[in-house]
């Protein structure tokens, strides 16, 4: 069902000029979403990877390419009253994306041995963040995280989790699509679990970070 309020709500993040506006994803914004993904790690994924296991990905309906079927699946999610993520715009230019959803909707995340549950709290999760290369270094990722926490809170999330790279060592932005520990610390998240011990050598060290969602969120309405 389309979200009746999708045209009237805006989620404002603080970034360097120009003004950054963060909007929930709707079907009419799918092309803008594709613009953000183009040339980044998520091109062709349409951010369905955290939501589906390999078997579920192969079972997506439709007769088109895998890319098209993933886009169609995300467009279907975008028709719901609660968006699957948020898009950032500088003016009319789409510059960033963040996925946020209840952990129970992210089948791959929930099943992964790399991101096991900490407890039984019904947390929401930020599985990935993407900022266009030309727009990086302007605080957009931080603004998106803050907007996602507010959005989750407005929709009943008691807390929001993320599983970013542990430590402060620098890495290429395309290798940190699930975020870094310093980035989430700046957004107010705290480490609730250190990197898993005895993890396979080829696994990236990740921490589990959490923030309690503020009551009512911080959305601005126009």
N, C-alpha and C. Protein backbone atom coordinates (compact mmCIF):
# COMPACT_ATOMS: atom_id res chain seq x y z
N UNK A 1 0.86 -1.20 0.00
CA UNK A 1 0.00 0.00 0.00
C UNK A 1 0.89 1.24 0.00
N UNK A 2 0.66 2.20 -0.85
CA UNK A 2 1.49 3.41 -0.88
C UNK A 2 1.41 4.17 0.44
N UNK A 3 2.50 4.81 0.82
CA UNK A 3 2.53 5.59 2.04
C UNK A 3 1.91 6.95 1.75
N UNK A 4 0.78 7.26 2.38
CA UNK A 4 0.07 8.50 2.11
C UNK A 4 0.92 9.71 2.46
N UNK A 5 1.82 9.56 3.46
CA UNK A 5 2.59 10.71 3.93
C UNK A 5 3.93 10.87 3.22
N UNK A 6 4.20 10.03 2.23
CA UNK A 6 5.54 10.03 1.62
C UNK A 6 5.87 11.36 0.95
N UNK A 7 4.86 12.12 0.52
CA UNK A 7 5.12 13.39 -0.15
C UNK A 7 5.29 14.54 0.84
N UNK A 8 4.84 14.34 2.08
CA UNK A 8 4.84 15.45 3.03
C UNK A 8 5.94 15.37 4.07
N UNK A 9 6.58 14.22 4.22
CA UNK A 9 7.60 14.09 5.25
C UNK A 9 8.99 14.29 4.70
N UNK A 10 9.81 14.95 5.50
CA UNK A 10 11.22 15.12 5.14
C UNK A 10 12.06 14.81 6.36
N UNK A 11 13.18 14.17 6.15
CA UNK A 11 14.11 13.87 7.23
C UNK A 11 15.38 14.64 6.95
N UNK A 12 15.68 15.60 7.79
CA UNK A 12 16.73 16.55 7.50
C UNK A 12 18.00 16.14 8.23
N UNK A 13 19.08 16.00 7.52
CA UNK A 13 20.36 15.69 8.12
C UNK A 13 21.28 16.89 7.99
N UNK A 14 22.23 17.00 8.90
CA UNK A 14 23.17 18.12 8.87
C UNK A 14 24.42 17.72 8.12
N UNK A 15 24.68 18.33 7.03
CA UNK A 15 25.90 18.13 6.26
C UNK A 15 26.34 19.49 5.77
N UNK A 16 27.54 19.58 5.27
CA UNK A 16 28.02 20.84 4.72
C UNK A 16 27.15 21.22 3.53
N UNK A 17 27.11 22.52 3.23
CA UNK A 17 26.25 23.02 2.16
C UNK A 17 26.59 22.32 0.85
N UNK A 18 25.64 22.16 -0.07
CA UNK A 18 24.25 22.60 0.05
C UNK A 18 23.45 21.76 1.04
N UNK A 19 22.24 22.24 1.36
CA UNK A 19 21.39 21.59 2.34
C UNK A 19 21.09 20.16 1.90
N UNK A 20 21.17 19.24 2.83
CA UNK A 20 20.90 17.83 2.57
C UNK A 20 19.49 17.50 3.03
N UNK A 21 18.70 16.91 2.16
CA UNK A 21 17.34 16.46 2.49
C UNK A 21 17.29 14.96 2.33
N UNK A 22 16.76 14.28 3.32
CA UNK A 22 16.69 12.81 3.31
C UNK A 22 15.24 12.37 3.24
N UNK A 23 14.91 11.59 2.22
CA UNK A 23 13.52 11.19 1.98
C UNK A 23 13.38 9.67 2.01
N UNK A 24 12.27 9.16 2.53
CA UNK A 24 12.00 7.72 2.45
C UNK A 24 11.89 7.28 0.99
N UNK A 25 12.40 6.11 0.69
CA UNK A 25 12.31 5.58 -0.67
C UNK A 25 10.87 5.27 -1.03
N UNK A 26 10.44 5.75 -2.20
CA UNK A 26 9.13 5.44 -2.76
C UNK A 26 9.35 4.94 -4.19
N UNK A 27 8.35 4.31 -4.79
CA UNK A 27 8.53 3.83 -6.16
C UNK A 27 8.97 4.92 -7.13
N UNK A 28 8.49 6.14 -6.97
CA UNK A 28 8.86 7.20 -7.91
C UNK A 28 10.32 7.62 -7.75
N UNK A 29 10.97 7.22 -6.66
CA UNK A 29 12.37 7.56 -6.43
C UNK A 29 13.33 6.44 -6.80
N UNK A 30 12.83 5.39 -7.45
CA UNK A 30 13.70 4.25 -7.79
C UNK A 30 14.82 4.65 -8.76
N UNK A 31 14.53 5.52 -9.71
CA UNK A 31 15.59 5.95 -10.62
C UNK A 31 16.68 6.73 -9.88
N UNK A 32 16.26 7.55 -8.91
CA UNK A 32 17.24 8.28 -8.09
C UNK A 32 18.07 7.29 -7.27
N UNK A 33 17.43 6.27 -6.76
CA UNK A 33 18.14 5.22 -6.02
C UNK A 33 19.18 4.57 -6.93
N UNK A 34 18.79 4.26 -8.16
CA UNK A 34 19.73 3.67 -9.11
C UNK A 34 20.91 4.58 -9.40
N UNK A 35 20.68 5.88 -9.41
CA UNK A 35 21.76 6.84 -9.64
C UNK A 35 22.79 6.76 -8.51
N UNK A 36 22.32 6.64 -7.27
CA UNK A 36 23.23 6.52 -6.13
C UNK A 36 24.06 5.24 -6.22
N UNK A 37 23.41 4.15 -6.61
CA UNK A 37 24.10 2.86 -6.65
C UNK A 37 25.07 2.75 -7.82
N UNK A 38 24.80 3.47 -8.90
CA UNK A 38 25.60 3.33 -10.11
C UNK A 38 27.07 3.65 -9.82
N UNK A 39 27.94 2.71 -10.18
CA UNK A 39 29.37 2.91 -9.97
C UNK A 39 29.85 2.54 -8.58
N UNK A 40 28.93 2.13 -7.70
CA UNK A 40 29.29 1.71 -6.35
C UNK A 40 29.13 0.21 -6.22
N UNK A 41 29.50 -0.30 -5.05
CA UNK A 41 29.45 -1.74 -4.81
C UNK A 41 28.04 -2.31 -4.99
N UNK A 42 27.00 -1.51 -4.72
CA UNK A 42 25.64 -2.03 -4.73
C UNK A 42 24.96 -2.03 -6.07
N UNK A 43 25.66 -1.62 -7.13
CA UNK A 43 25.03 -1.60 -8.45
C UNK A 43 24.56 -3.01 -8.81
N UNK A 44 23.31 -3.14 -9.14
CA UNK A 44 22.75 -4.45 -9.48
C UNK A 44 22.17 -5.19 -8.29
N UNK A 45 22.57 -4.81 -7.09
CA UNK A 45 22.08 -5.47 -5.87
C UNK A 45 20.73 -4.89 -5.45
N UNK A 46 20.57 -3.58 -5.62
CA UNK A 46 19.37 -2.86 -5.20
C UNK A 46 19.10 -3.07 -3.71
N UNK A 47 20.15 -3.33 -2.95
CA UNK A 47 20.10 -3.48 -1.50
C UNK A 47 19.16 -4.62 -1.06
N UNK A 48 18.97 -5.60 -1.93
CA UNK A 48 18.20 -6.79 -1.55
C UNK A 48 19.09 -7.84 -0.88
N UNK A 49 20.39 -7.72 -1.03
CA UNK A 49 21.31 -8.73 -0.49
C UNK A 49 21.12 -8.96 1.01
N UNK A 50 21.03 -7.91 1.85
CA UNK A 50 20.85 -8.18 3.28
C UNK A 50 19.50 -8.82 3.62
N UNK A 51 18.54 -8.66 2.73
CA UNK A 51 17.18 -9.12 3.01
C UNK A 51 16.93 -10.57 2.64
N UNK A 52 17.72 -11.09 1.73
CA UNK A 52 17.42 -12.41 1.18
C UNK A 52 18.62 -13.35 1.27
N UNK A 53 18.35 -14.61 1.58
CA UNK A 53 19.38 -15.62 1.48
C UNK A 53 19.62 -15.92 0.00
N UNK A 54 20.66 -16.68 -0.30
CA UNK A 54 20.92 -17.03 -1.70
C UNK A 54 19.72 -17.73 -2.33
N UNK A 55 19.11 -18.65 -1.58
CA UNK A 55 17.95 -19.38 -2.11
C UNK A 55 16.80 -18.43 -2.39
N UNK A 56 16.54 -17.52 -1.49
CA UNK A 56 15.45 -16.55 -1.70
C UNK A 56 15.75 -15.63 -2.86
N UNK A 57 17.03 -15.27 -3.04
CA UNK A 57 17.40 -14.41 -4.16
C UNK A 57 17.10 -15.10 -5.48
N UNK A 58 17.43 -16.38 -5.58
CA UNK A 58 17.18 -17.13 -6.81
C UNK A 58 15.69 -17.31 -7.09
N UNK A 59 14.89 -17.25 -6.03
CA UNK A 59 13.45 -17.50 -6.17
C UNK A 59 12.64 -16.22 -6.43
N UNK A 60 13.33 -15.08 -6.57
CA UNK A 60 12.59 -13.85 -6.84
C UNK A 60 11.75 -14.01 -8.10
N UNK A 61 10.48 -13.59 -8.07
CA UNK A 61 9.61 -13.77 -9.23
C UNK A 61 9.97 -12.82 -10.37
N UNK A 62 9.46 -13.14 -11.55
CA UNK A 62 9.67 -12.29 -12.71
C UNK A 62 10.46 -13.01 -13.78
N UNK A 63 10.39 -12.48 -14.99
CA UNK A 63 11.04 -13.12 -16.13
C UNK A 63 12.26 -12.35 -16.62
N UNK A 64 12.55 -11.21 -16.02
CA UNK A 64 13.68 -10.41 -16.46
C UNK A 64 15.00 -10.89 -15.89
N UNK A 65 16.04 -10.08 -16.04
CA UNK A 65 17.35 -10.40 -15.51
C UNK A 65 17.32 -10.39 -13.99
N UNK A 66 18.36 -10.93 -13.37
CA UNK A 66 18.46 -10.92 -11.92
C UNK A 66 18.45 -9.48 -11.40
N UNK A 67 19.15 -8.60 -12.11
CA UNK A 67 19.19 -7.19 -11.75
C UNK A 67 17.77 -6.60 -11.75
N UNK A 68 16.99 -6.85 -12.79
CA UNK A 68 15.64 -6.31 -12.89
C UNK A 68 14.74 -6.88 -11.81
N UNK A 69 14.88 -8.17 -11.52
CA UNK A 69 14.03 -8.79 -10.51
C UNK A 69 14.35 -8.23 -9.12
N UNK A 70 15.62 -7.93 -8.86
CA UNK A 70 15.97 -7.31 -7.58
C UNK A 70 15.42 -5.89 -7.50
N UNK A 71 15.52 -5.15 -8.60
CA UNK A 71 14.94 -3.79 -8.62
C UNK A 71 13.43 -3.87 -8.38
N UNK A 72 12.75 -4.79 -9.05
CA UNK A 72 11.30 -4.91 -8.88
C UNK A 72 10.95 -5.26 -7.44
N UNK A 73 11.75 -6.13 -6.83
CA UNK A 73 11.49 -6.51 -5.44
C UNK A 73 11.63 -5.31 -4.51
N UNK A 74 12.67 -4.49 -4.75
CA UNK A 74 12.84 -3.30 -3.92
C UNK A 74 11.72 -2.29 -4.17
N UNK A 75 11.29 -2.14 -5.41
CA UNK A 75 10.19 -1.23 -5.72
C UNK A 75 8.91 -1.67 -5.01
N UNK A 76 8.70 -2.96 -4.89
CA UNK A 76 7.54 -3.48 -4.16
C UNK A 76 7.63 -3.10 -2.69
N UNK A 77 8.81 -3.24 -2.09
CA UNK A 77 8.99 -2.85 -0.70
C UNK A 77 8.76 -1.35 -0.53
N UNK A 78 9.16 -0.57 -1.53
CA UNK A 78 9.02 0.89 -1.45
C UNK A 78 7.56 1.34 -1.52
N UNK A 79 6.67 0.45 -1.90
CA UNK A 79 5.24 0.80 -1.94
C UNK A 79 4.59 0.73 -0.56
N UNK A 80 5.26 0.09 0.38
CA UNK A 80 4.69 -0.03 1.71
C UNK A 80 4.71 1.31 2.44
N UNK A 81 3.89 1.40 3.46
CA UNK A 81 3.86 2.63 4.24
C UNK A 81 5.20 2.89 4.91
N UNK A 82 5.89 1.83 5.34
CA UNK A 82 7.20 1.96 5.95
C UNK A 82 8.26 1.66 4.91
N UNK A 83 9.09 2.65 4.61
CA UNK A 83 10.10 2.51 3.55
C UNK A 83 11.22 1.55 3.96
N UNK A 84 11.86 0.91 2.99
CA UNK A 84 12.99 0.03 3.28
C UNK A 84 14.30 0.78 3.49
N UNK A 85 14.28 2.08 3.28
CA UNK A 85 15.49 2.87 3.46
C UNK A 85 15.25 4.32 3.08
N UNK A 86 16.30 5.12 3.16
CA UNK A 86 16.20 6.56 2.94
C UNK A 86 17.21 7.00 1.90
N UNK A 87 16.81 7.98 1.10
CA UNK A 87 17.67 8.58 0.08
C UNK A 87 18.02 10.01 0.48
N UNK A 88 19.28 10.37 0.27
CA UNK A 88 19.72 11.74 0.55
C UNK A 88 19.83 12.52 -0.76
N UNK A 89 19.39 13.77 -0.73
CA UNK A 89 19.44 14.66 -1.89
C UNK A 89 20.12 15.96 -1.51
N UNK A 90 20.97 16.45 -2.40
CA UNK A 90 21.46 17.82 -2.34
C UNK A 90 20.77 18.55 -3.47
N UNK A 91 19.79 19.37 -3.13
CA UNK A 91 18.93 19.92 -4.17
C UNK A 91 18.16 18.79 -4.82
N UNK A 92 18.22 18.70 -6.14
CA UNK A 92 17.55 17.62 -6.86
C UNK A 92 18.46 16.43 -7.11
N UNK A 93 19.70 16.52 -6.65
CA UNK A 93 20.70 15.50 -6.96
C UNK A 93 20.73 14.42 -5.88
N UNK A 94 20.44 13.16 -6.23
CA UNK A 94 20.54 12.09 -5.23
C UNK A 94 22.00 11.78 -4.94
N UNK A 95 22.36 11.73 -3.65
CA UNK A 95 23.78 11.56 -3.30
C UNK A 95 24.05 10.42 -2.34
N UNK A 96 23.02 9.88 -1.70
CA UNK A 96 23.30 8.82 -0.74
C UNK A 96 22.09 7.97 -0.43
N UNK A 97 22.35 6.81 0.14
CA UNK A 97 21.31 5.83 0.48
C UNK A 97 21.69 5.14 1.78
N UNK A 98 20.69 4.85 2.60
CA UNK A 98 20.89 4.02 3.78
C UNK A 98 19.70 3.09 3.92
N UNK A 99 19.98 1.82 4.14
CA UNK A 99 18.92 0.84 4.39
C UNK A 99 18.70 0.75 5.90
N UNK A 100 17.46 0.62 6.30
CA UNK A 100 17.14 0.42 7.72
C UNK A 100 15.84 -0.36 7.80
N UNK A 101 15.83 -1.38 8.65
CA UNK A 101 14.67 -2.27 8.74
C UNK A 101 14.77 -3.09 10.01
N UNK A 102 13.64 -3.63 10.47
CA UNK A 102 13.71 -4.57 11.58
C UNK A 102 14.64 -5.74 11.22
N UNK A 103 15.42 -6.18 12.17
CA UNK A 103 16.35 -7.27 11.89
C UNK A 103 15.62 -8.51 11.38
N UNK A 104 14.40 -8.72 11.84
CA UNK A 104 13.63 -9.90 11.43
C UNK A 104 13.34 -9.90 9.93
N UNK A 105 13.42 -8.72 9.26
CA UNK A 105 13.19 -8.65 7.82
C UNK A 105 14.46 -8.89 7.01
N UNK A 106 15.60 -8.91 7.67
CA UNK A 106 16.88 -9.03 6.98
C UNK A 106 17.38 -10.47 7.13
N UNK A 107 16.86 -11.34 6.27
CA UNK A 107 17.10 -12.77 6.44
C UNK A 107 18.58 -13.13 6.43
N UNK A 108 19.34 -12.52 5.53
CA UNK A 108 20.76 -12.87 5.46
C UNK A 108 21.52 -12.39 6.71
N UNK A 109 21.21 -11.18 7.15
CA UNK A 109 21.84 -10.65 8.36
C UNK A 109 21.50 -11.52 9.55
N UNK A 110 20.22 -11.87 9.67
CA UNK A 110 19.76 -12.63 10.83
C UNK A 110 20.33 -14.03 10.87
N UNK A 111 20.62 -14.59 9.69
CA UNK A 111 21.13 -15.97 9.63
C UNK A 111 22.66 -16.04 9.65
N UNK A 112 23.32 -14.90 9.47
CA UNK A 112 24.77 -14.91 9.31
C UNK A 112 25.49 -15.20 10.62
N UNK A 113 26.51 -16.05 10.55
CA UNK A 113 27.35 -16.32 11.72
C UNK A 113 28.24 -15.13 12.05
N UNK A 114 28.37 -14.19 11.10
CA UNK A 114 29.19 -13.01 11.34
C UNK A 114 28.46 -11.94 12.13
N UNK A 115 27.12 -12.02 12.16
CA UNK A 115 26.33 -11.00 12.85
C UNK A 115 25.25 -11.66 13.72
N UNK A 116 25.65 -12.51 14.66
CA UNK A 116 24.64 -13.17 15.51
C UNK A 116 23.95 -12.16 16.43
N UNK A 117 22.80 -12.55 16.91
CA UNK A 117 22.06 -11.69 17.83
C UNK A 117 22.80 -11.54 19.15
N UNK A 118 22.66 -10.37 19.75
CA UNK A 118 23.22 -10.11 21.07
C UNK A 118 22.23 -10.53 22.15
N UNK A 119 20.95 -10.24 21.91
CA UNK A 119 19.90 -10.55 22.88
C UNK A 119 18.58 -10.64 22.12
N UNK A 120 17.49 -10.63 22.84
CA UNK A 120 16.18 -10.80 22.22
C UNK A 120 15.47 -9.48 21.92
N UNK A 121 16.14 -8.34 22.10
CA UNK A 121 15.49 -7.06 21.81
C UNK A 121 15.17 -6.96 20.31
N UNK A 122 13.99 -6.43 20.02
CA UNK A 122 13.51 -6.36 18.63
C UNK A 122 14.15 -5.18 17.91
N UNK A 123 15.46 -5.25 17.72
CA UNK A 123 16.21 -4.14 17.14
C UNK A 123 15.93 -3.99 15.65
N UNK A 124 16.11 -2.76 15.17
CA UNK A 124 16.22 -2.50 13.74
C UNK A 124 17.71 -2.49 13.41
N UNK A 125 18.00 -2.63 12.13
CA UNK A 125 19.40 -2.74 11.70
C UNK A 125 19.66 -1.82 10.51
N UNK A 126 20.82 -1.20 10.52
CA UNK A 126 21.35 -0.48 9.36
C UNK A 126 22.39 -1.40 8.72
N UNK A 127 22.04 -2.11 7.64
CA UNK A 127 22.99 -3.06 7.05
C UNK A 127 23.96 -2.44 6.07
N UNK A 128 23.61 -1.28 5.49
CA UNK A 128 24.52 -0.70 4.50
C UNK A 128 24.23 0.78 4.28
N UNK A 129 25.29 1.48 3.87
CA UNK A 129 25.23 2.91 3.56
C UNK A 129 26.03 3.12 2.28
N UNK A 130 25.50 3.91 1.38
CA UNK A 130 26.19 4.21 0.13
C UNK A 130 26.14 5.71 -0.14
N UNK A 131 27.28 6.31 -0.40
CA UNK A 131 27.36 7.72 -0.79
C UNK A 131 28.11 7.79 -2.12
N UNK A 132 27.57 8.56 -3.05
CA UNK A 132 28.21 8.68 -4.36
C UNK A 132 29.62 9.24 -4.21
N UNK A 133 30.53 8.76 -5.04
CA UNK A 133 31.93 9.12 -4.89
C UNK A 133 32.16 10.62 -4.92
N UNK A 134 31.46 11.33 -5.77
CA UNK A 134 31.65 12.78 -5.89
C UNK A 134 31.12 13.54 -4.68
N UNK A 135 30.32 12.88 -3.84
CA UNK A 135 29.70 13.56 -2.70
C UNK A 135 30.31 13.15 -1.36
N UNK A 136 31.35 12.34 -1.38
CA UNK A 136 31.93 11.87 -0.13
C UNK A 136 32.74 12.96 0.56
N UNK A 137 32.90 12.80 1.86
CA UNK A 137 33.67 13.75 2.64
C UNK A 137 32.89 14.98 3.07
N UNK A 138 31.57 14.95 2.95
CA UNK A 138 30.75 16.11 3.31
C UNK A 138 29.78 15.80 4.46
N UNK A 139 29.98 14.70 5.16
CA UNK A 139 29.13 14.38 6.29
C UNK A 139 27.82 13.71 5.94
N UNK A 140 27.68 13.25 4.71
CA UNK A 140 26.40 12.69 4.27
C UNK A 140 26.11 11.36 4.96
N UNK A 141 27.11 10.50 5.10
CA UNK A 141 26.88 9.20 5.75
C UNK A 141 26.41 9.39 7.19
N UNK A 142 27.03 10.32 7.90
CA UNK A 142 26.63 10.58 9.29
C UNK A 142 25.20 11.10 9.35
N UNK A 143 24.86 12.01 8.45
CA UNK A 143 23.49 12.53 8.41
C UNK A 143 22.49 11.44 8.11
N UNK A 144 22.84 10.53 7.22
CA UNK A 144 21.94 9.42 6.89
C UNK A 144 21.72 8.50 8.09
N UNK A 145 22.78 8.22 8.84
CA UNK A 145 22.63 7.36 10.02
C UNK A 145 21.68 8.00 11.03
N UNK A 146 21.87 9.29 11.27
CA UNK A 146 21.00 9.98 12.23
C UNK A 146 19.56 9.99 11.75
N UNK A 147 19.36 10.20 10.47
CA UNK A 147 18.00 10.19 9.92
C UNK A 147 17.39 8.80 10.01
N UNK A 148 18.19 7.76 9.79
CA UNK A 148 17.68 6.39 9.86
C UNK A 148 17.26 6.03 11.28
N UNK A 149 18.02 6.47 12.26
CA UNK A 149 17.65 6.21 13.66
C UNK A 149 16.33 6.91 13.99
N UNK A 150 16.18 8.15 13.54
CA UNK A 150 14.93 8.87 13.77
C UNK A 150 13.76 8.17 13.08
N UNK A 151 13.99 7.72 11.85
CA UNK A 151 12.93 7.05 11.09
C UNK A 151 12.51 5.75 11.78
N UNK A 152 13.50 4.97 12.22
CA UNK A 152 13.20 3.71 12.92
C UNK A 152 12.42 3.99 14.20
N UNK A 153 12.82 5.02 14.93
CA UNK A 153 12.13 5.36 16.16
C UNK A 153 10.67 5.71 15.91
N UNK A 154 10.42 6.48 14.86
CA UNK A 154 9.05 6.86 14.52
C UNK A 154 8.17 5.65 14.19
N UNK A 155 8.82 4.58 13.78
CA UNK A 155 8.08 3.38 13.42
C UNK A 155 8.18 2.29 14.49
N UNK A 156 8.52 2.70 15.70
CA UNK A 156 8.42 1.79 16.84
C UNK A 156 9.67 1.03 17.21
N UNK A 157 10.81 1.32 16.61
CA UNK A 157 12.03 0.60 16.95
C UNK A 157 12.48 0.97 18.36
N UNK A 158 12.78 -0.02 19.22
CA UNK A 158 13.31 0.29 20.54
C UNK A 158 14.78 0.66 20.50
N UNK A 159 15.48 0.15 19.49
CA UNK A 159 16.92 0.39 19.35
C UNK A 159 17.32 0.07 17.92
N UNK A 160 18.46 0.62 17.51
CA UNK A 160 18.99 0.37 16.17
C UNK A 160 20.41 -0.16 16.30
N UNK A 161 20.72 -1.20 15.52
CA UNK A 161 22.03 -1.82 15.53
C UNK A 161 22.72 -1.66 14.18
N UNK A 162 24.04 -1.80 14.22
CA UNK A 162 24.85 -1.86 13.00
C UNK A 162 26.03 -2.77 13.30
N UNK A 163 26.67 -3.27 12.23
CA UNK A 163 27.78 -4.20 12.37
C UNK A 163 28.96 -3.73 11.53
N UNK A 164 29.52 -2.58 11.90
CA UNK A 164 30.58 -1.97 11.07
C UNK A 164 31.95 -2.60 11.30
N UNK A 165 32.91 -2.21 10.45
CA UNK A 165 34.30 -2.61 10.62
C UNK A 165 34.81 -2.14 11.98
N UNK A 166 35.51 -3.03 12.67
CA UNK A 166 36.07 -2.69 13.98
C UNK A 166 37.32 -1.82 13.81
N UNK A 167 37.53 -0.95 14.79
CA UNK A 167 38.75 -0.16 14.81
C UNK A 167 38.66 1.07 13.93
N UNK A 168 39.76 1.84 13.96
CA UNK A 168 39.79 3.11 13.26
C UNK A 168 40.70 3.11 12.04
N UNK A 169 41.19 1.94 11.63
CA UNK A 169 42.07 1.90 10.45
C UNK A 169 41.30 2.34 9.22
N UNK A 170 41.93 3.15 8.38
CA UNK A 170 41.29 3.66 7.18
C UNK A 170 41.15 2.55 6.14
N UNK A 171 40.08 2.61 5.38
CA UNK A 171 39.87 1.67 4.30
C UNK A 171 39.12 2.38 3.19
N UNK A 172 39.15 1.84 1.99
CA UNK A 172 38.41 2.45 0.89
C UNK A 172 36.92 2.47 1.18
N UNK A 173 36.26 3.55 0.78
CA UNK A 173 34.83 3.68 1.05
C UNK A 173 34.03 2.51 0.49
N UNK A 174 34.41 2.01 -0.67
CA UNK A 174 33.67 0.91 -1.27
C UNK A 174 33.83 -0.39 -0.48
N UNK A 175 34.84 -0.44 0.41
CA UNK A 175 35.04 -1.62 1.25
C UNK A 175 34.37 -1.47 2.61
N UNK A 176 33.68 -0.37 2.80
CA UNK A 176 33.07 -0.11 4.11
C UNK A 176 31.59 0.22 3.95
N UNK A 177 30.92 -0.51 3.07
CA UNK A 177 29.52 -0.20 2.82
C UNK A 177 28.65 -0.48 4.04
N UNK A 178 29.12 -1.29 4.99
CA UNK A 178 28.36 -1.50 6.22
C UNK A 178 28.85 -0.57 7.33
N UNK A 179 29.70 0.39 6.97
CA UNK A 179 30.11 1.42 7.91
C UNK A 179 31.38 1.08 8.66
N UNK A 180 31.86 2.05 9.43
CA UNK A 180 33.05 1.88 10.26
C UNK A 180 32.70 2.24 11.69
N UNK A 181 33.48 1.70 12.61
CA UNK A 181 33.22 1.96 14.03
C UNK A 181 33.26 3.45 14.36
N UNK A 182 34.27 4.22 13.90
CA UNK A 182 34.28 5.66 14.24
C UNK A 182 33.05 6.40 13.71
N UNK A 183 32.58 6.03 12.52
CA UNK A 183 31.41 6.69 11.95
C UNK A 183 30.20 6.51 12.84
N UNK A 184 29.95 5.28 13.28
CA UNK A 184 28.78 5.03 14.12
C UNK A 184 28.96 5.61 15.52
N UNK A 185 30.19 5.67 16.01
CA UNK A 185 30.42 6.33 17.29
C UNK A 185 30.01 7.80 17.21
N UNK A 186 30.36 8.45 16.10
CA UNK A 186 29.99 9.86 15.94
C UNK A 186 28.48 10.05 15.92
N UNK A 187 27.76 9.02 15.52
CA UNK A 187 26.29 9.09 15.48
C UNK A 187 25.67 8.69 16.81
N UNK A 188 26.50 8.38 17.82
CA UNK A 188 25.97 8.06 19.14
C UNK A 188 25.84 6.59 19.46
N UNK A 189 26.26 5.71 18.55
CA UNK A 189 26.20 4.28 18.80
C UNK A 189 27.31 3.86 19.75
N UNK A 190 27.06 2.80 20.51
CA UNK A 190 28.05 2.23 21.41
C UNK A 190 28.27 0.76 21.09
N UNK A 191 29.48 0.29 21.31
CA UNK A 191 29.80 -1.12 21.07
C UNK A 191 29.14 -1.98 22.15
N UNK A 192 28.36 -2.96 21.72
CA UNK A 192 27.74 -3.90 22.66
C UNK A 192 28.33 -5.29 22.52
N UNK A 193 29.14 -5.50 21.48
CA UNK A 193 29.88 -6.76 21.35
C UNK A 193 31.13 -6.50 20.53
N UNK A 194 32.25 -6.94 21.04
CA UNK A 194 33.52 -6.81 20.34
C UNK A 194 33.57 -7.83 19.20
N UNK A 195 34.59 -7.74 18.32
CA UNK A 195 34.70 -8.71 17.22
C UNK A 195 34.67 -10.15 17.73
N UNK A 196 34.03 -11.00 16.97
CA UNK A 196 33.90 -12.40 17.36
C UNK A 196 35.27 -13.05 17.49
N UNK A 197 35.44 -13.83 18.53
CA UNK A 197 36.68 -14.56 18.71
C UNK A 197 36.67 -15.81 17.82
N UNK A 198 37.83 -16.24 17.45
CA UNK A 198 37.99 -17.47 16.64
C UNK A 198 37.22 -17.40 15.33
N UNK A 199 37.06 -16.19 14.79
CA UNK A 199 36.40 -16.06 13.50
C UNK A 199 37.37 -16.53 12.40
N UNK A 200 36.86 -16.99 11.27
CA UNK A 200 37.74 -17.38 10.16
C UNK A 200 38.67 -16.25 9.76
N UNK A 201 39.86 -16.61 9.31
CA UNK A 201 40.89 -15.63 9.02
C UNK A 201 40.46 -14.63 7.94
N UNK A 202 39.62 -15.07 7.02
CA UNK A 202 39.22 -14.18 5.92
C UNK A 202 38.01 -13.30 6.27
N UNK A 203 37.50 -13.38 7.48
CA UNK A 203 36.38 -12.54 7.89
C UNK A 203 36.89 -11.18 8.34
N UNK A 204 36.19 -10.14 7.95
CA UNK A 204 36.50 -8.79 8.42
C UNK A 204 36.08 -8.69 9.90
N UNK A 205 36.95 -8.10 10.72
CA UNK A 205 36.60 -7.89 12.12
C UNK A 205 35.50 -6.84 12.21
N UNK A 206 34.38 -7.22 12.80
CA UNK A 206 33.23 -6.32 12.92
C UNK A 206 32.77 -6.26 14.37
N UNK A 207 32.33 -5.08 14.77
CA UNK A 207 31.74 -4.91 16.09
C UNK A 207 30.23 -4.78 15.94
N UNK A 208 29.52 -5.13 17.00
CA UNK A 208 28.09 -4.87 17.04
C UNK A 208 27.88 -3.60 17.84
N UNK A 209 27.21 -2.62 17.23
CA UNK A 209 26.98 -1.34 17.87
C UNK A 209 25.48 -1.07 17.93
N UNK A 210 25.09 -0.34 18.95
CA UNK A 210 23.66 -0.12 19.18
C UNK A 210 23.43 1.27 19.74
N UNK A 211 22.26 1.81 19.39
CA UNK A 211 21.80 3.07 19.99
C UNK A 211 20.33 2.89 20.33
N UNK A 212 19.94 3.39 21.50
CA UNK A 212 18.51 3.35 21.85
C UNK A 212 17.80 4.42 21.03
N UNK A 213 16.69 4.06 20.45
CA UNK A 213 15.95 4.99 19.59
C UNK A 213 15.27 6.05 20.44
N UNK A 214 15.41 7.33 20.06
CA UNK A 214 14.75 8.39 20.83
C UNK A 214 13.24 8.32 20.65
N UNK A 215 12.47 8.52 21.69
CA UNK A 215 11.01 8.46 21.55
C UNK A 215 10.51 9.44 20.52
N UNK A 216 9.73 8.93 19.57
CA UNK A 216 9.06 9.82 18.61
C UNK A 216 9.88 10.26 17.42
N UNK A 217 11.19 10.00 17.42
CA UNK A 217 12.02 10.41 16.28
C UNK A 217 12.16 11.92 16.20
N UNK A 218 12.75 12.37 15.08
CA UNK A 218 13.00 13.81 14.91
C UNK A 218 12.61 14.28 13.52
N UNK A 219 11.58 13.71 12.96
CA UNK A 219 11.20 14.08 11.59
C UNK A 219 10.67 15.51 11.55
N UNK A 220 10.95 16.16 10.47
CA UNK A 220 10.37 17.48 10.21
C UNK A 220 9.33 17.32 9.11
N UNK A 221 8.21 17.95 9.26
CA UNK A 221 7.15 17.85 8.26
C UNK A 221 6.94 19.19 7.60
N UNK A 222 6.68 19.13 6.28
CA UNK A 222 6.45 20.37 5.56
C UNK A 222 5.04 20.38 5.01
